[in-house]
Protein backbone atom coordinates (compact mmCIF):
# COMPACT_ATOMS: atom_id res chain seq x y z
CA UNK A 1 0.00 0.00 0.00
CA UNK A 2 3.05 2.26 0.20
CA UNK A 3 3.07 2.48 -3.61
CA UNK A 4 -0.59 3.52 -3.49
CA UNK A 5 0.25 6.36 -1.10
CA UNK A 6 -1.10 4.59 1.99
CA UNK A 7 1.90 3.76 4.21
CA UNK A 8 -0.50 3.93 7.17
CA UNK A 9 -2.24 0.82 5.87
CA UNK A 10 1.03 -0.94 5.07
CA UNK A 11 2.20 -0.46 8.66
CA UNK A 12 -1.12 -1.12 10.38
CA UNK A 13 -1.56 -4.38 12.35
CA UNK A 14 -5.12 -4.26 11.00
CA UNK A 15 -3.73 -5.56 7.70
CA UNK A 16 -0.71 -7.56 8.94
CA UNK A 17 -1.90 -11.10 8.18
CA UNK A 18 -4.04 -12.57 5.44
CA UNK A 19 -7.04 -13.17 7.70
CA UNK A 20 -6.78 -9.51 8.80
CA UNK A 21 -6.79 -8.38 5.20
CA UNK A 22 -9.77 -10.62 4.41
CA UNK A 23 -11.67 -9.15 7.35
CA UNK A 24 -10.89 -5.63 6.11
CA UNK A 25 -11.21 -6.35 2.42
CA UNK A 26 -13.63 -3.51 1.66
CA UNK A 27 -11.32 -0.90 3.19
CA UNK A 28 -8.43 -2.22 1.09
CA UNK A 29 -10.55 -2.29 -2.07
CA UNK A 30 -11.74 1.27 -1.43
CA UNK A 31 -8.16 2.52 -0.95
CA UNK A 32 -6.92 0.79 -4.10
CA UNK A 33 -9.89 2.09 -6.09
CA UNK A 34 -9.32 5.65 -4.90
CA UNK A 35 -5.66 5.44 -5.88
CA UNK A 36 -6.17 3.87 -9.29
CA UNK A 37 -8.96 6.32 -10.14
CA UNK A 38 -6.69 9.27 -9.32
CA UNK A 39 -4.08 8.45 -11.96
CA UNK A 40 -3.95 7.52 -15.64
CA UNK A 41 -3.70 3.78 -16.24
CA UNK A 42 -0.16 3.96 -17.64
CA UNK A 43 1.05 5.72 -14.48
CA UNK A 44 -0.59 3.15 -12.19
CA UNK A 45 1.02 0.34 -14.20
CA UNK A 46 4.43 2.06 -14.15
CA UNK A 47 4.31 2.48 -10.36
CA UNK A 48 3.18 -1.10 -9.76
CA UNK A 49 5.91 -2.48 -12.01
CA UNK A 50 8.52 -0.35 -10.19
CA UNK A 51 7.32 -1.88 -6.91
CA UNK A 52 7.51 -5.42 -8.38
CA UNK A 53 3.74 -5.85 -8.15
CA UNK A 54 2.46 -8.17 -10.90
CA UNK A 55 -0.03 -6.10 -12.87
CA UNK A 56 -1.37 -5.61 -16.35
CA UNK A 57 -4.35 -4.36 -18.30
CA UNK A 58 -7.67 -6.13 -18.56
CA UNK A 59 -8.13 -6.23 -22.31
CA UNK A 60 -11.33 -5.88 -24.24
CA UNK A 61 -11.61 -7.98 -27.41
CA UNK A 62 -10.71 -4.84 -29.42
CA UNK A 63 -7.56 -4.41 -27.29
CA UNK A 64 -6.61 -8.04 -27.86
CA UNK A 65 -7.21 -7.83 -31.59
CA UNK A 66 -4.95 -4.76 -31.87
CA UNK A 67 -2.18 -6.02 -29.58
CA UNK A 68 0.98 -6.96 -31.56
CA UNK A 69 1.67 -9.89 -29.22
CA UNK A 70 -1.79 -11.38 -29.78
CA UNK A 71 -1.35 -10.88 -33.53
CA UNK A 72 2.10 -12.51 -33.54
CA UNK A 73 0.67 -15.53 -31.66
CA UNK A 74 -2.07 -15.91 -34.29
CA UNK A 75 -4.85 -15.71 -31.70
CA UNK A 76 -7.40 -14.41 -34.21
CA UNK A 77 -8.52 -15.80 -37.53
CA UNK A 78 -10.54 -14.54 -40.46
CA UNK A 79 -13.64 -16.64 -41.20
CA UNK A 80 -15.95 -16.43 -44.21
CA UNK A 81 -19.66 -16.19 -43.36
CA UNK A 82 -22.30 -17.92 -45.51
CA UNK A 83 -23.09 -14.57 -47.21
CA UNK A 84 -19.42 -14.18 -48.20
CA UNK A 85 -18.57 -11.51 -45.63
CA UNK A 86 -15.40 -11.92 -43.60
CA UNK A 87 -15.37 -11.75 -39.81
CA UNK A 88 -12.43 -11.90 -37.41
CA UNK A 89 -12.91 -14.36 -34.53
CA UNK A 90 -10.77 -15.50 -31.61
CA UNK A 91 -8.88 -18.59 -32.71
CA UNK A 92 -9.20 -21.94 -30.99
CA UNK A 93 -6.54 -22.14 -28.29
CA UNK A 94 -3.95 -23.41 -27.88
CA UNK A 95 -2.60 -23.05 -31.41
CA UNK A 96 -0.58 -26.22 -32.01
CA UNK A 97 1.99 -26.50 -34.81
CA UNK A 98 0.76 -29.80 -36.32
CA UNK A 99 -2.95 -29.40 -35.54
CA UNK A 100 -3.61 -25.68 -35.11
CA UNK A 101 -7.39 -26.00 -35.30
CA UNK A 102 -9.71 -23.72 -37.18
CA UNK A 103 -13.27 -22.47 -37.21
CA UNK A 104 -15.06 -24.54 -39.84
CA UNK A 105 -18.51 -23.13 -39.15
CA UNK A 106 -19.05 -19.71 -37.59
CA UNK A 107 -22.55 -20.56 -36.46
CA UNK A 108 -25.97 -19.67 -37.81
CA UNK A 109 -26.68 -16.26 -39.32
CA UNK A 110 -27.89 -13.49 -37.04
CA UNK A 111 -31.57 -13.95 -36.28
CA UNK A 112 -31.77 -17.54 -37.53
CA UNK A 113 -33.51 -18.66 -34.34
CA UNK A 114 -35.65 -15.59 -33.71
CA UNK A 115 -38.98 -17.32 -34.34
CA UNK A 116 -38.06 -20.31 -32.20
CA UNK A 117 -36.95 -18.14 -29.28
CA UNK A 118 -39.85 -15.74 -29.55
CA UNK A 119 -42.44 -18.53 -29.77
CA UNK A 120 -41.04 -21.26 -27.54
CA UNK A 121 -39.19 -19.26 -24.92
CA UNK A 122 -41.17 -16.01 -24.80
CA UNK A 123 -44.52 -17.50 -25.77
CA UNK A 124 -45.31 -15.05 -28.58
CA UNK A 125 -47.92 -16.02 -31.15
CA UNK A 126 -47.11 -16.01 -34.89
CA UNK A 127 -49.17 -12.81 -35.40
CA UNK A 128 -47.18 -11.04 -32.67
CA UNK A 129 -43.90 -12.10 -34.26
CA UNK A 130 -45.10 -10.88 -37.65
CA UNK A 131 -46.05 -7.51 -36.10
CA UNK A 132 -42.52 -7.20 -34.69
CA UNK A 133 -41.14 -7.97 -38.14
CA UNK A 134 -43.37 -5.37 -39.82
CA UNK A 135 -42.42 -2.74 -37.23
CA UNK A 136 -38.73 -3.35 -37.98
CA UNK A 137 -37.97 -4.77 -34.55
CA UNK A 138 -36.74 -8.00 -36.14
Foldseek 3Di string as FASTA:
>chain_A
DVLLVCVVCVPDPCCVDPVSCVVVVVVVVVSVVVSCVVDDPVVVVVSCVVVVHDDDDDDDVVRLVPDPVNVVLVQWDWDAAPVRDIDIDGFDPPQDDVPRDDDPHPDDDPPPCVVVCCCVVVNDDPVVVVVCVVVVVD
